[in-house]
C-alpha atoms as a PDB file:
ATOM      1  CA  MET A   1     -15.066 -15.163 -42.732  1.00  0.00           C
ATOM      2  CA  ASN A   2     -16.615 -17.773 -41.066  1.00  0.00           C
ATOM      3  CA  GLU A   3     -14.400 -19.101 -38.434  1.00  0.00           C
ATOM      4  CA  PRO A   4     -15.032 -21.881 -36.239  1.00  0.00           C
ATOM      5  CA  ALA A   5     -15.296 -20.521 -32.418  1.00  0.00           C
ATOM      6  CA  GLU A   6     -12.436 -22.827 -31.677  1.00  0.00           C
ATOM      7  CA  THR A   7     -10.286 -21.756 -34.285  1.00  0.00           C
ATOM      8  CA  ARG A   8     -10.661 -17.511 -33.214  1.00  0.00           C
ATOM      9  CA  LEU A   9      -9.927 -18.885 -29.570  1.00  0.00           C
ATOM     10  CA  GLY A  10      -6.868 -20.680 -30.036  1.00  0.00           C
ATOM     11  CA  CYS A  11      -5.569 -18.018 -32.370  1.00  0.00           C
ATOM     12  CA  SER A  12      -6.059 -14.855 -29.561  1.00  0.00           C
ATOM     13  CA  GLY A  13      -2.981 -13.039 -28.088  1.00  0.00           C
ATOM     14  CA  THR A  14      -4.250 -13.064 -24.792  1.00  0.00           C
ATOM     15  CA  PRO A  15      -2.224 -15.069 -21.955  1.00  0.00           C
ATOM     16  CA  GLU A  16      -5.176 -16.591 -20.732  1.00  0.00           C
ATOM     17  CA  PRO A  17      -5.210 -20.120 -20.386  1.00  0.00           C
ATOM     18  CA  ASP A  18      -6.225 -22.648 -23.116  1.00  0.00           C
ATOM     19  CA  ILE A  19      -9.520 -23.241 -22.846  1.00  0.00           C
ATOM     20  CA  ARG A  20     -10.603 -25.535 -25.467  1.00  0.00           C
ATOM     21  CA  LEU A  21     -14.526 -26.211 -25.860  1.00  0.00           C
ATOM     22  CA  ARG A  22     -16.087 -29.571 -25.723  1.00  0.00           C
ATOM     23  CA  LYS A  23     -18.106 -31.045 -28.913  1.00  0.00           C
ATOM     24  CA  GLY A  24     -21.288 -29.117 -29.255  1.00  0.00           C
ATOM     25  CA  HIS A  25     -20.785 -26.171 -26.432  1.00  0.00           C
ATOM     26  CA  GLN A  26     -21.034 -22.683 -27.232  1.00  0.00           C
ATOM     27  CA  LEU A  27     -18.744 -19.878 -26.212  1.00  0.00           C
ATOM     28  CA  ASP A  28     -21.953 -19.265 -23.489  1.00  0.00           C
ATOM     29  CA  GLY A  29     -21.798 -22.329 -22.227  1.00  0.00           C
ATOM     30  CA  THR A  30     -24.706 -24.187 -23.706  1.00  0.00           C
ATOM     31  CA  ARG A  31     -24.928 -27.049 -25.829  1.00  0.00           C
ATOM     32  CA  GLY A  32     -27.150 -26.986 -29.069  1.00  0.00           C
ATOM     33  CA  GLY A  33     -30.554 -27.879 -28.172  1.00  0.00           C
ATOM     34  CA  ASP A  34     -30.487 -27.486 -24.056  1.00  0.00           C
ATOM     35  CA  ASN A  35     -31.068 -23.974 -22.778  1.00  0.00           C
ATOM     36  CA  ASP A  36     -30.020 -24.631 -19.316  1.00  0.00           C
ATOM     37  CA  ASN A  37     -29.155 -27.967 -18.438  1.00  0.00           C
ATOM     38  CA  HIS A  38     -25.109 -27.585 -19.214  1.00  0.00           C
ATOM     39  CA  GLN A  39     -25.321 -23.983 -18.081  1.00  0.00           C
ATOM     40  CA  GLY A  40     -21.814 -22.748 -16.783  1.00  0.00           C
ATOM     41  CA  ASP A  41     -20.053 -26.332 -17.654  1.00  0.00           C
ATOM     42  CA  LEU A  42     -16.936 -23.959 -18.576  1.00  0.00           C
ATOM     43  CA  GLU A  43     -17.184 -22.024 -15.352  1.00  0.00           C
ATOM     44  CA  PRO A  44     -15.780 -23.967 -12.233  1.00  0.00           C
ATOM     45  CA  ILE A  45     -13.044 -25.561 -15.120  1.00  0.00           C
ATOM     46  CA  LEU A  46     -12.055 -21.534 -15.886  1.00  0.00           C
ATOM     47  CA  GLU A  47     -11.626 -20.901 -12.349  1.00  0.00           C
ATOM     48  CA  ALA A  48      -9.482 -23.743 -10.407  1.00  0.00           C
ATOM     49  CA  SER A  49      -6.901 -22.807 -14.133  1.00  0.00           C
ATOM     50  CA  VAL A  50      -7.154 -19.389 -13.188  1.00  0.00           C
ATOM     51  CA  ARG A  51      -6.430 -19.725  -9.568  1.00  0.00           C
ATOM     52  CA  SER A  52      -4.044 -22.412 -10.203  1.00  0.00           C
ATOM     53  CA  SER A  53      -2.030 -19.636 -12.399  1.00  0.00           C
ATOM     54  CA  HIS A  54      -2.443 -17.385  -9.356  1.00  0.00           C
ATOM     55  CA  HIS A  55      -0.650 -19.480  -7.137  1.00  0.00           C
ATOM     56  CA  LYS A  56       1.831 -20.412  -8.953  1.00  0.00           C
ATOM     57  CA  LYS A  57       2.576 -16.355  -9.729  1.00  0.00           C
ATOM     58  CA  VAL A  58       2.912 -16.145  -5.417  1.00  0.00           C
ATOM     59  CA  SER A  59       4.760 -18.503  -4.842  1.00  0.00           C
ATOM     60  CA  ASN A  60       7.055 -17.795  -8.004  1.00  0.00           C
ATOM     61  CA  ILE A  61       7.637 -14.065  -6.534  1.00  0.00           C
ATOM     62  CA  GLY A  62       8.777 -15.215  -2.434  1.00  0.00           C
ATOM     63  CA  ARG A  63      10.360 -17.166  -3.931  1.00  0.00           C
ATOM     64  CA  MET A  64      11.733 -14.556  -5.892  1.00  0.00           C
ATOM     65  CA  VAL A  65      11.925 -12.240  -2.380  1.00  0.00           C
ATOM     66  CA  ASN A  66      13.831 -14.768  -0.152  1.00  0.00           C
ATOM     67  CA  LYS A  67      16.381 -15.276  -2.986  1.00  0.00           C
ATOM     68  CA  THR A  68      16.607 -11.046  -3.207  1.00  0.00           C
ATOM     69  CA  LYS A  69      17.473 -11.358   1.144  1.00  0.00           C
ATOM     70  CA  ILE A  70      19.475 -14.629   1.258  1.00  0.00           C
ATOM     71  CA  TYR A  71      22.054 -12.888  -1.240  1.00  0.00           C
ATOM     72  CA  GLY A  72      21.630  -9.510   0.382  1.00  0.00           C
ATOM     73  CA  ASP A  73      22.402 -10.752   3.566  1.00  0.00           C
ATOM     74  CA  MET A  74      25.330 -12.896   2.118  1.00  0.00           C
ATOM     75  CA  ILE A  75      26.619  -9.865   0.560  1.00  0.00           C
ATOM     76  CA  LEU A  76      26.365  -7.596   3.393  1.00  0.00           C
ATOM     77  CA  LYS A  77      27.956 -10.027   5.423  1.00  0.00           C
ATOM     78  CA  THR A  78      30.934 -10.899   2.387  1.00  0.00           C
ATOM     79  CA  LYS A  79      31.322  -7.122   2.945  1.00  0.00           C
ATOM     80  CA  PHE A  80      32.480  -6.745   6.344  1.00  0.00           C
ATOM     81  CA  ARG A  81      33.950 -10.204   6.661  1.00  0.00           C
ATOM     82  CA  PHE A  82      37.089  -8.352   6.255  1.00  0.00           C
ATOM     83  CA  PHE A  83      36.797  -7.061  10.190  1.00  0.00           C
ATOM     84  CA  TYR A  84      36.010 -10.324  11.464  1.00  0.00           C
ATOM     85  CA  ILE A  85      38.241 -12.692  13.436  1.00  0.00           C
ATOM     86  CA  HIS A  86      37.564 -15.765  11.462  1.00  0.00           C
ATOM     87  CA  SER A  87      40.282 -18.935  10.270  1.00  0.00           C
ATOM     88  CA  ASP A  88      41.923 -16.200   7.397  1.00  0.00           C
ATOM     89  CA  ALA A  89      41.941 -13.081   9.307  1.00  0.00           C
ATOM     90  CA  GLY A  90      45.812 -12.761   9.084  1.00  0.00           C
ATOM     91  CA  ASN A  91      45.658 -13.287   5.282  1.00  0.00           C
ATOM     92  CA  ASN A  92      43.910 -10.865   5.126  1.00  0.00           C
ATOM     93  CA  TRP A  93      45.418  -7.913   6.985  1.00  0.00           C
ATOM     94  CA  GLY A  94      49.152  -9.371   5.627  1.00  0.00           C
ATOM     95  CA  CYS A  95      48.041  -7.687   2.407  1.00  0.00           C
ATOM     96  CA  VAL A  96      47.440  -4.042   3.730  1.00  0.00           C
ATOM     97  CA  PHE A  97      50.814  -4.629   5.126  1.00  0.00           C
ATOM     98  CA  PHE A  98      52.473  -5.354   1.940  1.00  0.00           C
ATOM     99  CA  LEU A  99      50.847  -3.024  -0.123  1.00  0.00           C
ATOM    100  CA  CYS A 100      51.420   0.312   2.414  1.00  0.00           C
ATOM    101  CA  LEU A 101      55.071  -1.188   2.195  1.00  0.00           C
ATOM    102  CA  GLY A 102      55.356  -1.171  -1.718  1.00  0.00           C
ATOM    103  CA  ILE A 103      53.589   2.300  -2.037  1.00  0.00           C
ATOM    104  CA  PHE A 104      55.788   4.054   0.809  1.00  0.00           C
ATOM    105  CA  TYR A 105      59.210   1.881  -1.254  1.00  0.00           C
ATOM    106  CA  MET A 106      58.066   3.227  -4.598  1.00  0.00           C
ATOM    107  CA  PHE A 107      57.617   7.166  -3.491  1.00  0.00           C
ATOM    108  CA  ARG A 108      61.377   7.017  -2.103  1.00  0.00           C
ATOM    109  CA  PRO A 109      63.312  10.094  -3.444  1.00  0.00           C
ATOM    110  CA  ASN A 110      65.069   9.834  -7.278  1.00  0.00           C
ATOM    111  CA  ILE A 111      68.250  10.628  -5.679  1.00  0.00           C
ATOM    112  CA  SER A 112      68.502   7.205  -4.391  1.00  0.00           C
ATOM    113  CA  PHE A 113      68.600   5.183  -7.413  1.00  0.00           C
ATOM    114  CA  VAL A 114      71.062   4.826  -9.955  1.00  0.00           C
ATOM    115  CA  ALA A 115      68.825   4.806 -12.730  1.00  0.00           C
ATOM    116  CA  PRO A 116      65.453   5.857 -11.262  1.00  0.00           C
ATOM    117  CA  LEU A 117      63.064   4.840 -14.296  1.00  0.00           C
ATOM    118  CA  GLN A 118      64.058   1.354 -14.350  1.00  0.00           C
ATOM    119  CA  GLU A 119      65.214   0.500 -11.091  1.00  0.00           C
ATOM    120  CA  LYS A 120      61.329   1.768 -10.092  1.00  0.00           C
ATOM    121  CA  VAL A 121      59.785  -0.150 -12.705  1.00  0.00           C
ATOM    122  CA  VAL A 122      62.037  -3.743 -11.304  1.00  0.00           C
ATOM    123  CA  PHE A 123      60.294  -3.148  -8.106  1.00  0.00           C
ATOM    124  CA  GLY A 124      57.172  -2.312  -9.086  1.00  0.00           C
ATOM    125  CA  LEU A 125      56.986  -5.554 -11.020  1.00  0.00           C
ATOM    126  CA  PHE A 126      57.512  -7.394  -7.921  1.00  0.00           C
ATOM    127  CA  PHE A 127      55.281  -5.128  -5.935  1.00  0.00           C
ATOM    128  CA  LEU A 128      52.610  -5.833  -8.132  1.00  0.00           C
ATOM    129  CA  GLY A 129      53.223  -9.450  -8.485  1.00  0.00           C
ATOM    130  CA  ALA A 130      52.917  -9.635  -4.364  1.00  0.00           C
ATOM    131  CA  ILE A 131      50.134  -7.009  -4.068  1.00  0.00           C
ATOM    132  CA  LEU A 132      48.226  -9.391  -6.483  1.00  0.00           C
ATOM    133  CA  CYS A 133      49.570 -12.550  -4.707  1.00  0.00           C
ATOM    134  CA  LEU A 134      48.106 -11.176  -1.416  1.00  0.00           C
ATOM    135  CA  SER A 135      44.824  -9.284  -2.952  1.00  0.00           C
ATOM    136  CA  PHE A 136      43.854 -12.395  -4.995  1.00  0.00           C
ATOM    137  CA  SER A 137      44.224 -14.334  -1.835  1.00  0.00           C
ATOM    138  CA  TRP A 138      42.079 -12.272   0.776  1.00  0.00           C
ATOM    139  CA  LEU A 139      39.497 -11.862  -1.694  1.00  0.00           C
ATOM    140  CA  PHE A 140      38.927 -15.496  -1.931  1.00  0.00           C
ATOM    141  CA  HIS A 141      39.002 -15.716   1.652  1.00  0.00           C
ATOM    142  CA  THR A 142      36.670 -13.063   2.329  1.00  0.00           C
ATOM    143  CA  VAL A 143      33.538 -13.944  -0.732  1.00  0.00           C
ATOM    144  CA  TYR A 144      34.545 -17.898  -1.083  1.00  0.00           C
ATOM    145  CA  CYS A 145      31.197 -18.331   1.559  1.00  0.00           C
ATOM    146  CA  HIS A 146      29.228 -16.339  -0.930  1.00  0.00           C
ATOM    147  CA  SER A 147      28.498 -19.307  -3.461  1.00  0.00           C
ATOM    148  CA  GLU A 148      29.845 -22.137  -5.691  1.00  0.00           C
ATOM    149  CA  GLY A 149      30.205 -20.130  -8.202  1.00  0.00           C
ATOM    150  CA  VAL A 150      32.514 -16.974  -6.732  1.00  0.00           C
ATOM    151  CA  SER A 151      33.879 -19.011  -4.735  1.00  0.00           C
ATOM    152  CA  ARG A 152      35.579 -21.374  -7.542  1.00  0.00           C
ATOM    153  CA  LEU A 153      36.790 -17.828  -9.305  1.00  0.00           C
ATOM    154  CA  PHE A 154      38.524 -16.781  -6.531  1.00  0.00           C
ATOM    155  CA  SER A 155      40.259 -19.585  -5.816  1.00  0.00           C
ATOM    156  CA  LYS A 156      41.743 -19.730  -9.434  1.00  0.00           C
ATOM    157  CA  LEU A 157      42.720 -15.953  -8.788  1.00  0.00           C
ATOM    158  CA  ASP A 158      44.254 -17.130  -5.487  1.00  0.00           C
ATOM    159  CA  TYR A 159      46.381 -19.809  -7.316  1.00  0.00           C
ATOM    160  CA  SER A 160      47.128 -17.561 -10.329  1.00  0.00           C
ATOM    161  CA  GLY A 161      48.002 -14.411  -8.218  1.00  0.00           C
ATOM    162  CA  ILE A 162      50.798 -17.246  -6.216  1.00  0.00           C
ATOM    163  CA  ALA A 163      52.261 -17.888  -9.668  1.00  0.00           C
ATOM    164  CA  LEU A 164      52.570 -14.011  -9.985  1.00  0.00           C
ATOM    165  CA  LEU A 165      54.166 -13.392  -6.980  1.00  0.00           C
ATOM    166  CA  ILE A 166      57.298 -16.253  -7.844  1.00  0.00           C
ATOM    167  CA  MET A 167      57.467 -14.139 -11.360  1.00  0.00           C
ATOM    168  CA  GLY A 168      57.525 -10.837  -9.762  1.00  0.00           C
ATOM    169  CA  SER A 169      60.084 -11.782  -6.949  1.00  0.00           C
ATOM    170  CA  PHE A 170      62.818 -13.151  -9.788  1.00  0.00           C
ATOM    171  CA  VAL A 171      62.846  -9.531 -11.573  1.00  0.00           C
ATOM    172  CA  PRO A 172      64.746  -7.435  -8.888  1.00  0.00           C
ATOM    173  CA  TRP A 173      66.720 -10.001  -8.224  1.00  0.00           C
ATOM    174  CA  LEU A 174      67.773 -10.859 -11.561  1.00  0.00           C
ATOM    175  CA  TYR A 175      67.872  -7.183 -12.236  1.00  0.00           C
ATOM    176  CA  TYR A 176      70.931  -6.536 -10.100  1.00  0.00           C
ATOM    177  CA  SER A 177      72.507 -10.309 -10.072  1.00  0.00           C
ATOM    178  CA  PHE A 178      73.357  -9.611 -13.981  1.00  0.00           C
ATOM    179  CA  TYR A 179      73.357  -6.306 -14.088  1.00  0.00           C
ATOM    180  CA  CYS A 180      76.672  -6.011 -16.265  1.00  0.00           C
ATOM    181  CA  ASN A 181      75.448  -9.067 -18.315  1.00  0.00           C
ATOM    182  CA  PRO A 182      72.149  -8.657 -19.506  1.00  0.00           C
ATOM    183  CA  GLN A 183      71.914 -11.633 -22.016  1.00  0.00           C
ATOM    184  CA  PRO A 184      71.544 -14.136 -19.177  1.00  0.00           C
ATOM    185  CA  CYS A 185      69.102 -11.975 -17.459  1.00  0.00           C
ATOM    186  CA  PHE A 186      66.780 -11.398 -20.162  1.00  0.00           C
ATOM    187  CA  ILE A 187      67.014 -15.616 -21.068  1.00  0.00           C
ATOM    188  CA  TYR A 188      66.295 -16.406 -17.146  1.00  0.00           C
ATOM    189  CA  LEU A 189      63.291 -14.234 -17.202  1.00  0.00           C
ATOM    190  CA  ILE A 190      61.800 -15.301 -19.927  1.00  0.00           C
ATOM    191  CA  VAL A 191      62.047 -18.745 -18.822  1.00  0.00           C
ATOM    192  CA  ILE A 192      60.785 -17.908 -15.192  1.00  0.00           C
ATOM    193  CA  CYS A 193      57.356 -15.830 -17.568  1.00  0.00           C
ATOM    194  CA  VAL A 194      57.035 -19.236 -19.589  1.00  0.00           C
ATOM    195  CA  LEU A 195      57.320 -21.072 -16.156  1.00  0.00           C
ATOM    196  CA  GLY A 196      55.179 -18.870 -14.227  1.00  0.00           C
ATOM    197  CA  ILE A 197      52.250 -18.666 -17.445  1.00  0.00           C
ATOM    198  CA  ALA A 198      51.909 -22.231 -17.525  1.00  0.00           C
ATOM    199  CA  ALA A 199      51.548 -22.459 -13.876  1.00  0.00           C
ATOM    200  CA  ILE A 200      48.637 -19.870 -14.072  1.00  0.00           C
ATOM    201  CA  ILE A 201      47.122 -21.950 -17.267  1.00  0.00           C
ATOM    202  CA  VAL A 202      46.877 -25.157 -14.810  1.00  0.00           C
ATOM    203  CA  SER A 203      45.548 -23.615 -12.088  1.00  0.00           C
ATOM    204  CA  GLN A 204      42.109 -22.784 -13.733  1.00  0.00           C
ATOM    205  CA  TRP A 205      41.749 -26.338 -14.899  1.00  0.00           C
ATOM    206  CA  ASP A 206      38.765 -27.161 -12.135  1.00  0.00           C
ATOM    207  CA  MET A 207      39.893 -30.148 -10.248  1.00  0.00           C
ATOM    208  CA  PHE A 208      43.119 -28.616  -9.750  1.00  0.00           C
ATOM    209  CA  ALA A 209      41.270 -26.956  -6.179  1.00  0.00           C
ATOM    210  CA  THR A 210      39.731 -30.576  -5.225  1.00  0.00           C
ATOM    211  CA  PRO A 211      41.276 -31.741  -1.851  1.00  0.00           C
ATOM    212  CA  GLN A 212      42.970 -34.707  -3.594  1.00  0.00           C
ATOM    213  CA  TYR A 213      45.350 -32.436  -5.401  1.00  0.00           C
ATOM    214  CA  ARG A 214      46.201 -30.614  -2.843  1.00  0.00           C
ATOM    215  CA  GLY A 215      50.103 -32.309  -3.260  1.00  0.00           C
ATOM    216  CA  VAL A 216      49.787 -30.892  -6.883  1.00  0.00           C
ATOM    217  CA  ARG A 217      49.286 -27.758  -5.619  1.00  0.00           C
ATOM    218  CA  ALA A 218      52.049 -27.338  -2.904  1.00  0.00           C
ATOM    219  CA  GLY A 219      54.038 -29.247  -6.100  1.00  0.00           C
ATOM    220  CA  VAL A 220      53.326 -27.028  -8.920  1.00  0.00           C
ATOM    221  CA  PHE A 221      54.592 -23.555  -7.274  1.00  0.00           C
ATOM    222  CA  LEU A 222      57.536 -25.173  -5.667  1.00  0.00           C
ATOM    223  CA  GLY A 223      58.862 -26.470  -8.829  1.00  0.00           C
ATOM    224  CA  LEU A 224      57.959 -22.810 -10.459  1.00  0.00           C
ATOM    225  CA  GLY A 225      60.151 -21.227  -6.694  1.00  0.00           C
ATOM    226  CA  LEU A 226      62.722 -24.263  -7.384  1.00  0.00           C
ATOM    227  CA  SER A 227      63.213 -23.092 -10.927  1.00  0.00           C
ATOM    228  CA  GLY A 228      65.604 -20.684  -9.782  1.00  0.00           C
ATOM    229  CA  ILE A 229      68.431 -22.576  -8.572  1.00  0.00           C
ATOM    230  CA  ILE A 230      70.517 -22.479 -12.012  1.00  0.00           C
ATOM    231  CA  PRO A 231      70.021 -18.340 -11.792  1.00  0.00           C
ATOM    232  CA  THR A 232      71.393 -19.148  -8.475  1.00  0.00           C
ATOM    233  CA  LEU A 233      74.153 -21.657  -9.268  1.00  0.00           C
ATOM    234  CA  HIS A 234      75.259 -19.881 -12.596  1.00  0.00           C
ATOM    235  CA  TYR A 235      75.487 -16.317 -10.544  1.00  0.00           C
ATOM    236  CA  VAL A 236      77.618 -18.684  -7.992  1.00  0.00           C
ATOM    237  CA  ILE A 237      80.009 -19.952 -10.422  1.00  0.00           C
ATOM    238  CA  SER A 238      80.499 -17.291 -12.014  1.00  0.00           C
ATOM    239  CA  GLU A 239      81.399 -14.762  -9.248  1.00  0.00           C
ATOM    240  CA  GLY A 240      82.552 -16.952  -6.899  1.00  0.00           C
ATOM    241  CA  PHE A 241      81.169 -18.025  -3.514  1.00  0.00           C
ATOM    242  CA  LEU A 242      82.257 -15.536  -1.310  1.00  0.00           C
ATOM    243  CA  LYS A 243      81.079 -12.108  -3.621  1.00  0.00           C
ATOM    244  CA  ALA A 244      77.781 -14.369  -3.964  1.00  0.00           C
ATOM    245  CA  ALA A 245      77.340 -14.393  -0.113  1.00  0.00           C
ATOM    246  CA  THR A 246      78.030 -10.906   0.580  1.00  0.00           C
ATOM    247  CA  ILE A 247      77.472  -8.415  -2.774  1.00  0.00           C
ATOM    248  CA  GLY A 248      74.710 -10.562  -3.825  1.00  0.00           C
ATOM    249  CA  GLN A 249      72.588 -11.440  -0.867  1.00  0.00           C
ATOM    250  CA  ILE A 250      72.430 -15.219  -1.216  1.00  0.00           C
ATOM    251  CA  GLY A 251      71.317 -15.768   2.267  1.00  0.00           C
ATOM    252  CA  TRP A 252      68.567 -13.869   2.091  1.00  0.00           C
ATOM    253  CA  LEU A 253      67.894 -15.775  -1.183  1.00  0.00           C
ATOM    254  CA  LEU A 254      67.831 -18.915   0.814  1.00  0.00           C
ATOM    255  CA  LEU A 255      66.110 -18.014   3.748  1.00  0.00           C
ATOM    256  CA  MET A 256      63.483 -17.406   1.328  1.00  0.00           C
ATOM    257  CA  ALA A 257      63.594 -20.093  -0.480  1.00  0.00           C
ATOM    258  CA  SER A 258      63.083 -21.548   2.942  1.00  0.00           C
ATOM    259  CA  LEU A 259      60.373 -19.638   4.269  1.00  0.00           C
ATOM    260  CA  TYR A 260      58.611 -20.618   0.873  1.00  0.00           C
ATOM    261  CA  ILE A 261      59.351 -24.574   0.363  1.00  0.00           C
ATOM    262  CA  THR A 262      58.418 -24.544   4.821  1.00  0.00           C
ATOM    263  CA  GLY A 263      55.167 -22.677   3.929  1.00  0.00           C
ATOM    264  CA  ALA A 264      54.429 -25.568   1.298  1.00  0.00           C
ATOM    265  CA  ALA A 265      54.788 -28.680   3.223  1.00  0.00           C
ATOM    266  CA  LEU A 266      53.382 -27.377   5.733  1.00  0.00           C
ATOM    267  CA  TYR A 267      50.403 -27.218   3.735  1.00  0.00           C
ATOM    268  CA  ALA A 268      50.567 -29.751   1.429  1.00  0.00           C
ATOM    269  CA  ALA A 269      50.690 -31.953   4.968  1.00  0.00           C
ATOM    270  CA  ARG A 270      48.610 -30.902   6.747  1.00  0.00           C
ATOM    271  CA  ILE A 271      50.544 -29.494   9.717  1.00  0.00           C
ATOM    272  CA  PRO A 272      49.685 -29.016  12.492  1.00  0.00           C
ATOM    273  CA  GLU A 273      45.913 -30.109  12.312  1.00  0.00           C
ATOM    274  CA  ARG A 274      46.357 -33.363  11.114  1.00  0.00           C
ATOM    275  CA  PHE A 275      47.876 -33.667  15.133  1.00  0.00           C
ATOM    276  CA  PHE A 276      45.335 -31.502  16.499  1.00  0.00           C
ATOM    277  CA  PRO A 277      41.984 -32.122  14.812  1.00  0.00           C
ATOM    278  CA  GLY A 278      39.924 -29.255  16.448  1.00  0.00           C
ATOM    279  CA  LYS A 279      42.523 -27.336  17.908  1.00  0.00           C
ATOM    280  CA  CYS A 280      43.579 -25.144  15.504  1.00  0.00           C
ATOM    281  CA  ASP A 281      40.061 -24.216  13.582  1.00  0.00           C
ATOM    282  CA  ILE A 282      40.758 -20.617  13.895  1.00  0.00           C
ATOM    283  CA  TRP A 283      44.403 -19.923  13.946  1.00  0.00           C
ATOM    284  CA  PHE A 284      47.489 -21.460  13.165  1.00  0.00           C
ATOM    285  CA  HIS A 285      46.577 -23.838  10.705  1.00  0.00           C
ATOM    286  CA  SER A 286      48.467 -25.020   7.736  1.00  0.00           C
ATOM    287  CA  HIS A 287      46.971 -22.819   5.268  1.00  0.00           C
ATOM    288  CA  GLN A 288      46.874 -20.204   7.809  1.00  0.00           C
ATOM    289  CA  LEU A 289      50.855 -20.653   8.383  1.00  0.00           C
ATOM    290  CA  PHE A 290      51.520 -21.137   4.431  1.00  0.00           C
ATOM    291  CA  HIS A 291      49.974 -17.588   4.234  1.00  0.00           C
ATOM    292  CA  ILE A 292      52.202 -16.590   6.393  1.00  0.00           C
ATOM    293  CA  PHE A 293      55.102 -17.761   5.424  1.00  0.00           C
ATOM    294  CA  VAL A 294      54.560 -16.647   2.160  1.00  0.00           C
ATOM    295  CA  VAL A 295      54.455 -13.122   3.775  1.00  0.00           C
ATOM    296  CA  ALA A 296      57.499 -12.999   5.261  1.00  0.00           C
ATOM    297  CA  GLY A 297      59.260 -15.036   2.405  1.00  0.00           C
ATOM    298  CA  ALA A 298      58.242 -12.063   0.174  1.00  0.00           C
ATOM    299  CA  PHE A 299      59.384  -9.314   3.101  1.00  0.00           C
ATOM    300  CA  VAL A 300      62.893 -10.979   3.220  1.00  0.00           C
ATOM    301  CA  HIS A 301      63.602 -11.139  -0.524  1.00  0.00           C
ATOM    302  CA  PHE A 302      62.351  -7.547  -0.859  1.00  0.00           C
ATOM    303  CA  HIS A 303      64.893  -6.872   2.304  1.00  0.00           C
ATOM    304  CA  GLY A 304      67.939  -8.726   0.023  1.00  0.00           C
ATOM    305  CA  VAL A 305      66.705  -7.292  -3.246  1.00  0.00           C
ATOM    306  CA  SER A 306      67.275  -3.887  -0.851  1.00  0.00           C
ATOM    307  CA  ASN A 307      70.387  -4.467  -0.158  1.00  0.00           C
ATOM    308  CA  LEU A 308      71.310  -4.941  -3.732  1.00  0.00           C
ATOM    309  CA  GLN A 309      69.896  -1.576  -5.238  1.00  0.00           C
ATOM    310  CA  GLU A 310      71.892  -0.322  -2.615  1.00  0.00           C
ATOM    311  CA  PHE A 311      75.683  -1.885  -3.155  1.00  0.00           C
ATOM    312  CA  ARG A 312      74.270  -1.344  -7.479  1.00  0.00           C
ATOM    313  CA  PHE A 313      73.988   2.792  -5.704  1.00  0.00           C
ATOM    314  CA  MET A 314      77.236   2.581  -4.068  1.00  0.00           C
ATOM    315  CA  ILE A 315      79.576   1.222  -6.570  1.00  0.00           C
ATOM    316  CA  GLY A 316      77.624   3.186  -9.638  1.00  0.00           C
ATOM    317  CA  GLY A 317      76.124   1.891 -13.507  1.00  0.00           C
ATOM    318  CA  GLY A 318      79.115   2.139 -15.271  1.00  0.00           C
ATOM    319  CA  CYS A 319      80.573  -1.497 -15.772  1.00  0.00           C
ATOM    320  CA  SER A 320      83.749  -3.057 -15.929  1.00  0.00           C
ATOM    321  CA  GLU A 321      85.228  -5.653 -18.166  1.00  0.00           C
ATOM    322  CA  GLU A 322      85.978  -7.705 -15.499  1.00  0.00           C
ATOM    323  CA  ASP A 323      82.271  -6.818 -14.057  1.00  0.00           C
ATOM    324  CA  ALA A 324      80.721  -9.350 -17.527  1.00  0.00           C
ATOM    325  CA  LEU A 325      80.048 -12.815 -16.262  1.00  0.00           C
END
């Protein structure tokens, strides 16, 4: 019932600063036995504490306002960076081109296919890989200036997109090349999917995006693409070089591989900026050339598998015993 003043004040739920009374002082600021000698000792302490608390609150509000303005400006610039002329502008518009091409092809009439559903799914996987790759690429190059966390996230998506493009590129070629012998087709598809997923997992490592691992990045994706040598040799040995070069469209496949390898080599070796410092900051630097070669390789691959689809349409969906590998 008769709690001391210090206990009552310490248990109060008010947000005021914790004011501890000196020994012998009462709540009104007087000392027992003295009426006026120490009157008002508490007021200067309380006033200084309130001023300090108010100053901290104003400072915090000011910092919050500044941060909001900074992030707002960054988001606004990021939103319109797609339309700017900058070092990665060519990468952005390459994605738009391939997206339009994929939509156009997928809406072709079914009469142009032997098995419309299967073949559109096959081509759809290729376009999905290409569009995701290019979309992740231009998204990364658009928002990487936003913050370190956003840059790291979209960098991983960018690398994952490269693996998805390579995986998707295998699907239509394996489907049409081993059309009459699906068993090796399924085996090769499983192998490339396992390798692609492994490449995606490796690309999630934070150190994977650092400059010292530039060659490792190029090597991972180059190795993933070169895994297609095994099914290519299988097809050439089984069908013969002449059929592989004409009906099998091996020439377009080799051109695609050459474009991918050239782009990866330029990227890993930092050519041409290593020979012309400061001359290729906006156009024709290695990263931009790498994306140009990737888009060109994807388009060449699309042309080759489109020819395979046309040959299959002319031959029909039937398979003779001679067609089995």
